[in-house]
Amino acid sequence: MDYVSALVPPVVMAVFFIGLVRVIVKTQGGAAKAKEDAAVDAALARAEGVRKASAGGDA
């Protein structure tokens, strides 16, 4: 029975990992894709603006 207790944790982790991958794949795209892309673009623009502002102030 030691082999069962040795195999249970990896099997449980594998099942959860497969479930996580399936959720990630299913949520790609869809109705919220444009909203998510806009949020990422806005965050990148803010980060770029901060970086340029700090570089411009030092020069």
PDB file of N, CA and C in Angstrom:
ATOM      1  N   MET A   1       0.813  -1.207   0.000  1.00  0.00           N
ATOM      2  CA  MET A   1       0.000   0.000   0.000  1.00  0.00           C
ATOM      3  C   MET A   1       0.847   1.257   0.000  1.00  0.00           C
ATOM      4  N   ASP A   2       2.144   1.124   0.217  1.00  0.00           N
ATOM      5  CA  ASP A   2       3.012   2.302   0.195  1.00  0.00           C
ATOM      6  C   ASP A   2       3.060   2.918  -1.198  1.00  0.00           C
ATOM      7  N   TYR A   3       2.939   2.105  -2.214  1.00  0.00           N
ATOM      8  CA  TYR A   3       2.991   2.638  -3.576  1.00  0.00           C
ATOM      9  C   TYR A   3       1.776   3.515  -3.856  1.00  0.00           C
ATOM     10  N   VAL A   4       0.640   3.202  -3.252  1.00  0.00           N
ATOM     11  CA  VAL A   4      -0.555   4.030  -3.456  1.00  0.00           C
ATOM     12  C   VAL A   4      -0.340   5.403  -2.827  1.00  0.00           C
ATOM     13  N   SER A   5       0.155   5.438  -1.603  1.00  0.00           N
ATOM     14  CA  SER A   5       0.389   6.722  -0.939  1.00  0.00           C
ATOM     15  C   SER A   5       1.501   7.507  -1.625  1.00  0.00           C
ATOM     16  N   ALA A   6       2.401   6.820  -2.313  1.00  0.00           N
ATOM     17  CA  ALA A   6       3.462   7.510  -3.050  1.00  0.00           C
ATOM     18  C   ALA A   6       2.949   8.083  -4.365  1.00  0.00           C
ATOM     19  N   LEU A   7       1.941   7.459  -4.966  1.00  0.00           N
ATOM     20  CA  LEU A   7       1.434   7.907  -6.265  1.00  0.00           C
ATOM     21  C   LEU A   7       0.312   8.943  -6.160  1.00  0.00           C
ATOM     22  N   VAL A   8      -0.375   9.010  -5.041  1.00  0.00           N
ATOM     23  CA  VAL A   8      -1.527   9.909  -4.931  1.00  0.00           C
ATOM     24  C   VAL A   8      -1.150  11.383  -5.115  1.00  0.00           C
ATOM     25  N   PRO A   9      -0.137  11.917  -4.432  1.00  0.00           N
ATOM     26  CA  PRO A   9       0.164  13.347  -4.609  1.00  0.00           C
ATOM     27  C   PRO A   9       0.498  13.737  -6.054  1.00  0.00           C
ATOM     28  N   PRO A  10       1.339  12.999  -6.779  1.00  0.00           N
ATOM     29  CA  PRO A  10       1.605  13.385  -8.164  1.00  0.00           C
ATOM     30  C   PRO A  10       0.365  13.292  -9.061  1.00  0.00           C
ATOM     31  N   VAL A  11      -0.470  12.309  -8.818  1.00  0.00           N
ATOM     32  CA  VAL A  11      -1.681  12.163  -9.629  1.00  0.00           C
ATOM     33  C   VAL A  11      -2.628  13.333  -9.360  1.00  0.00           C
ATOM     34  N   VAL A  12      -2.786  13.699  -8.095  1.00  0.00           N
ATOM     35  CA  VAL A  12      -3.658  14.821  -7.750  1.00  0.00           C
ATOM     36  C   VAL A  12      -3.119  16.115  -8.368  1.00  0.00           C
ATOM     37  N   MET A  13      -1.808  16.339  -8.278  1.00  0.00           N
ATOM     38  CA  MET A  13      -1.219  17.540  -8.876  1.00  0.00           C
ATOM     39  C   MET A  13      -1.382  17.544 -10.387  1.00  0.00           C
ATOM     40  N   ALA A  14      -1.235  16.405 -11.019  1.00  0.00           N
ATOM     41  CA  ALA A  14      -1.403  16.317 -12.473  1.00  0.00           C
ATOM     42  C   ALA A  14      -2.833  16.646 -12.877  1.00  0.00           C
ATOM     43  N   VAL A  15      -3.802  16.144 -12.129  1.00  0.00           N
ATOM     44  CA  VAL A  15      -5.204  16.428 -12.440  1.00  0.00           C
ATOM     45  C   VAL A  15      -5.480  17.918 -12.310  1.00  0.00           C
ATOM     46  N   PHE A  16      -5.012  18.542 -11.231  1.00  0.00           N
ATOM     47  CA  PHE A  16      -5.230  19.972 -11.060  1.00  0.00           C
ATOM     48  C   PHE A  16      -4.499  20.788 -12.125  1.00  0.00           C
ATOM     49  N   PHE A  17      -3.307  20.366 -12.513  1.00  0.00           N
ATOM     50  CA  PHE A  17      -2.554  21.075 -13.542  1.00  0.00           C
ATOM     51  C   PHE A  17      -3.273  21.002 -14.884  1.00  0.00           C
ATOM     52  N   ILE A  18      -3.775  19.824 -15.228  1.00  0.00           N
ATOM     53  CA  ILE A  18      -4.523  19.670 -16.484  1.00  0.00           C
ATOM     54  C   ILE A  18      -5.766  20.549 -16.452  1.00  0.00           C
ATOM     55  N   GLY A  19      -6.451  20.581 -15.313  1.00  0.00           N
ATOM     56  CA  GLY A  19      -7.623  21.445 -15.181  1.00  0.00           C
ATOM     57  C   GLY A  19      -7.264  22.910 -15.340  1.00  0.00           C
ATOM     58  N   LEU A  20      -6.154  23.318 -14.756  1.00  0.00           N
ATOM     59  CA  LEU A  20      -5.709  24.706 -14.876  1.00  0.00           C
ATOM     60  C   LEU A  20      -5.402  25.059 -16.332  1.00  0.00           C
ATOM     61  N   VAL A  21      -4.711  24.192 -17.026  1.00  0.00           N
ATOM     62  CA  VAL A  21      -4.395  24.434 -18.434  1.00  0.00           C
ATOM     63  C   VAL A  21      -5.675  24.529 -19.260  1.00  0.00           C
ATOM     64  N   ARG A  22      -6.637  23.663 -18.983  1.00  0.00           N
ATOM     65  CA  ARG A  22      -7.900  23.712 -19.731  1.00  0.00           C
ATOM     66  C   ARG A  22      -8.631  25.022 -19.501  1.00  0.00           C
ATOM     67  N   VAL A  23      -8.639  25.502 -18.253  1.00  0.00           N
ATOM     68  CA  VAL A  23      -9.297  26.777 -17.952  1.00  0.00           C
ATOM     69  C   VAL A  23      -8.591  27.916 -18.670  1.00  0.00           C
ATOM     70  N   ILE A  24      -7.273  27.911 -18.664  1.00  0.00           N
ATOM     71  CA  ILE A  24      -6.521  28.972 -19.337  1.00  0.00           C
ATOM     72  C   ILE A  24      -6.810  28.961 -20.832  1.00  0.00           C
ATOM     73  N   VAL A  25      -6.812  27.792 -21.431  1.00  0.00           N
ATOM     74  CA  VAL A  25      -7.054  27.698 -22.874  1.00  0.00           C
ATOM     75  C   VAL A  25      -8.478  28.128 -23.209  1.00  0.00           C
ATOM     76  N   LYS A  26      -9.453  27.720 -22.389  1.00  0.00           N
ATOM     77  CA  LYS A  26     -10.844  28.071 -22.668  1.00  0.00           C
ATOM     78  C   LYS A  26     -11.101  29.561 -22.521  1.00  0.00           C
ATOM     79  N   THR A  27     -10.374  30.234 -21.624  1.00  0.00           N
ATOM     80  CA  THR A  27     -10.639  31.652 -21.386  1.00  0.00           C
ATOM     81  C   THR A  27      -9.872  32.560 -22.343  1.00  0.00           C
ATOM     82  N   GLN A  28      -9.072  32.001 -23.216  1.00  0.00           N
ATOM     83  CA  GLN A  28      -8.382  32.833 -24.197  1.00  0.00           C
ATOM     84  C   GLN A  28      -9.378  33.282 -25.252  1.00  0.00           C
ATOM     85  N   GLY A  29      -9.328  34.560 -25.577  1.00  0.00           N
ATOM     86  CA  GLY A  29     -10.272  35.064 -26.577  1.00  0.00           C
ATOM     87  C   GLY A  29     -11.638  35.263 -25.964  1.00  0.00           C
ATOM     88  N   GLY A  30     -12.649  35.139 -26.757  1.00  0.00           N
ATOM     89  CA  GLY A  30     -14.002  35.282 -26.263  1.00  0.00           C
ATOM     90  C   GLY A  30     -14.444  36.734 -26.193  1.00  0.00           C
ATOM     91  N   ALA A  31     -15.539  36.954 -25.500  1.00  0.00           N
ATOM     92  CA  ALA A  31     -16.162  38.271 -25.457  1.00  0.00           C
ATOM     93  C   ALA A  31     -15.312  39.289 -24.707  1.00  0.00           C
ATOM     94  N   ALA A  32     -14.560  38.860 -23.721  1.00  0.00           N
ATOM     95  CA  ALA A  32     -13.800  39.792 -22.900  1.00  0.00           C
ATOM     96  C   ALA A  32     -12.399  40.065 -23.441  1.00  0.00           C
ATOM     97  N   LYS A  33     -12.047  39.473 -24.576  1.00  0.00           N
ATOM     98  CA  LYS A  33     -10.688  39.617 -25.098  1.00  0.00           C
ATOM     99  C   LYS A  33     -10.337  41.073 -25.374  1.00  0.00           C
ATOM    100  N   ALA A  34     -11.216  41.821 -26.008  1.00  0.00           N
ATOM    101  CA  ALA A  34     -10.924  43.224 -26.327  1.00  0.00           C
ATOM    102  C   ALA A  34     -10.750  44.038 -25.050  1.00  0.00           C
ATOM    103  N   LYS A  35     -11.572  43.775 -24.047  1.00  0.00           N
ATOM    104  CA  LYS A  35     -11.476  44.498 -22.780  1.00  0.00           C
ATOM    105  C   LYS A  35     -10.153  44.183 -22.077  1.00  0.00           C
ATOM    106  N   GLU A  36      -9.768  42.912 -22.071  1.00  0.00           N
ATOM    107  CA  GLU A  36      -8.512  42.517 -21.446  1.00  0.00           C
ATOM    108  C   GLU A  36      -7.325  43.118 -22.198  1.00  0.00           C
ATOM    109  N   ASP A  37      -7.374  43.090 -23.532  1.00  0.00           N
ATOM    110  CA  ASP A  37      -6.296  43.669 -24.323  1.00  0.00           C
ATOM    111  C   ASP A  37      -6.174  45.167 -24.070  1.00  0.00           C
ATOM    112  N   ALA A  38      -7.301  45.861 -23.948  1.00  0.00           N
ATOM    113  CA  ALA A  38      -7.277  47.293 -23.688  1.00  0.00           C
ATOM    114  C   ALA A  38      -6.675  47.573 -22.315  1.00  0.00           C
ATOM    115  N   ALA A  39      -6.984  46.746 -21.323  1.00  0.00           N
ATOM    116  CA  ALA A  39      -6.431  46.929 -19.984  1.00  0.00           C
ATOM    117  C   ALA A  39      -4.913  46.728 -19.992  1.00  0.00           C
ATOM    118  N   VAL A  40      -4.455  45.738 -20.718  1.00  0.00           N
ATOM    119  CA  VAL A  40      -3.009  45.487 -20.805  1.00  0.00           C
ATOM    120  C   VAL A  40      -2.318  46.632 -21.545  1.00  0.00           C
ATOM    121  N   ASP A  41      -2.915  47.087 -22.641  1.00  0.00           N
ATOM    122  CA  ASP A  41      -2.333  48.203 -23.391  1.00  0.00           C
ATOM    123  C   ASP A  41      -2.252  49.460 -22.533  1.00  0.00           C
ATOM    124  N   ALA A  42      -3.283  49.725 -21.736  1.00  0.00           N
ATOM    125  CA  ALA A  42      -3.281  50.897 -20.860  1.00  0.00           C
ATOM    126  C   ALA A  42      -2.197  50.776 -19.798  1.00  0.00           C
ATOM    127  N   ALA A  43      -2.034  49.596 -19.224  1.00  0.00           N
ATOM    128  CA  ALA A  43      -1.006  49.395 -18.204  1.00  0.00           C
ATOM    129  C   ALA A  43       0.388  49.561 -18.809  1.00  0.00           C
ATOM    130  N   LEU A  44       0.594  49.037 -20.009  1.00  0.00           N
ATOM    131  CA  LEU A  44       1.893  49.198 -20.670  1.00  0.00           C
ATOM    132  C   LEU A  44       2.156  50.658 -21.008  1.00  0.00           C
ATOM    133  N   ALA A  45       1.133  51.387 -21.436  1.00  0.00           N
ATOM    134  CA  ALA A  45       1.308  52.804 -21.760  1.00  0.00           C
ATOM    135  C   ALA A  45       1.657  53.602 -20.505  1.00  0.00           C
ATOM    136  N   ARG A  46       1.009  53.280 -19.377  1.00  0.00           N
ATOM    137  CA  ARG A  46       1.340  53.973 -18.121  1.00  0.00           C
ATOM    138  C   ARG A  46       2.776  53.684 -17.711  1.00  0.00           C
ATOM    139  N   ALA A  47       3.185  52.428 -17.824  1.00  0.00           N
ATOM    140  CA  ALA A  47       4.548  52.064 -17.447  1.00  0.00           C
ATOM    141  C   ALA A  47       5.556  52.758 -18.355  1.00  0.00           C
ATOM    142  N   GLU A  48       5.255  52.822 -19.641  1.00  0.00           N
ATOM    143  CA  GLU A  48       6.148  53.498 -20.582  1.00  0.00           C
ATOM    144  C   GLU A  48       6.221  54.987 -20.270  1.00  0.00           C
ATOM    145  N   GLY A  49       5.086  55.600 -19.928  1.00  0.00           N
ATOM    146  CA  GLY A  49       5.070  57.020 -19.585  1.00  0.00           C
ATOM    147  C   GLY A  49       5.884  57.308 -18.336  1.00  0.00           C
ATOM    148  N   VAL A  50       5.781  56.453 -17.347  1.00  0.00           N
ATOM    149  CA  VAL A  50       6.567  56.631 -16.120  1.00  0.00           C
ATOM    150  C   VAL A  50       8.044  56.491 -16.416  1.00  0.00           C
ATOM    151  N   ARG A  51       8.387  55.513 -17.245  1.00  0.00           N
ATOM    152  CA  ARG A  51       9.800  55.288 -17.572  1.00  0.00           C
ATOM    153  C   ARG A  51      10.364  56.488 -18.341  1.00  0.00           C
ATOM    154  N   LYS A  52       9.594  57.024 -19.286  1.00  0.00           N
ATOM    155  CA  LYS A  52      10.054  58.171 -20.058  1.00  0.00           C
ATOM    156  C   LYS A  52      10.159  59.420 -19.181  1.00  0.00           C
ATOM    157  N   ALA A  53       9.200  59.593 -18.272  1.00  0.00           N
ATOM    158  CA  ALA A  53       9.215  60.752 -17.385  1.00  0.00           C
ATOM    159  C   ALA A  53      10.429  60.720 -16.459  1.00  0.00           C
ATOM    160  N   SER A  54      10.740  59.539 -15.927  1.00  0.00           N
ATOM    161  CA  SER A  54      11.891  59.445 -15.025  1.00  0.00           C
ATOM    162  C   SER A  54      13.194  59.587 -15.803  1.00  0.00           C
ATOM    163  N   ALA A  55      13.244  59.127 -17.034  1.00  0.00           N
ATOM    164  CA  ALA A  55      14.449  59.267 -17.855  1.00  0.00           C
ATOM    165  C   ALA A  55      14.614  60.726 -18.298  1.00  0.00           C
ATOM    166  N   GLY A  56      13.516  61.397 -18.580  1.00  0.00           N
ATOM    167  CA  GLY A  56      13.577  62.786 -19.005  1.00  0.00           C
ATOM    168  C   GLY A  56      13.971  63.725 -17.876  1.00  0.00           C
ATOM    169  N   GLY A  57      13.581  63.403 -16.652  1.00  0.00           N
ATOM    170  CA  GLY A  57      13.914  64.238 -15.508  1.00  0.00           C
ATOM    171  C   GLY A  57      15.374  64.148 -15.121  1.00  0.00           C
ATOM    172  N   ASP A  58      16.003  63.036 -15.407  1.00  0.00           N
ATOM    173  CA  ASP A  58      17.407  62.838 -15.044  1.00  0.00           C
ATOM    174  C   ASP A  58      18.350  63.463 -16.057  1.00  0.00           C
ATOM    175  N   ALA A  59      17.905  63.680 -17.279  1.00  0.00           N
ATOM    176  CA  ALA A  59      18.787  64.147 -18.342  1.00  0.00           C
ATOM    177  C   ALA A  59      19.065  65.607 -18.282  1.00  0.00           C
TER     178      ALA A  59
END
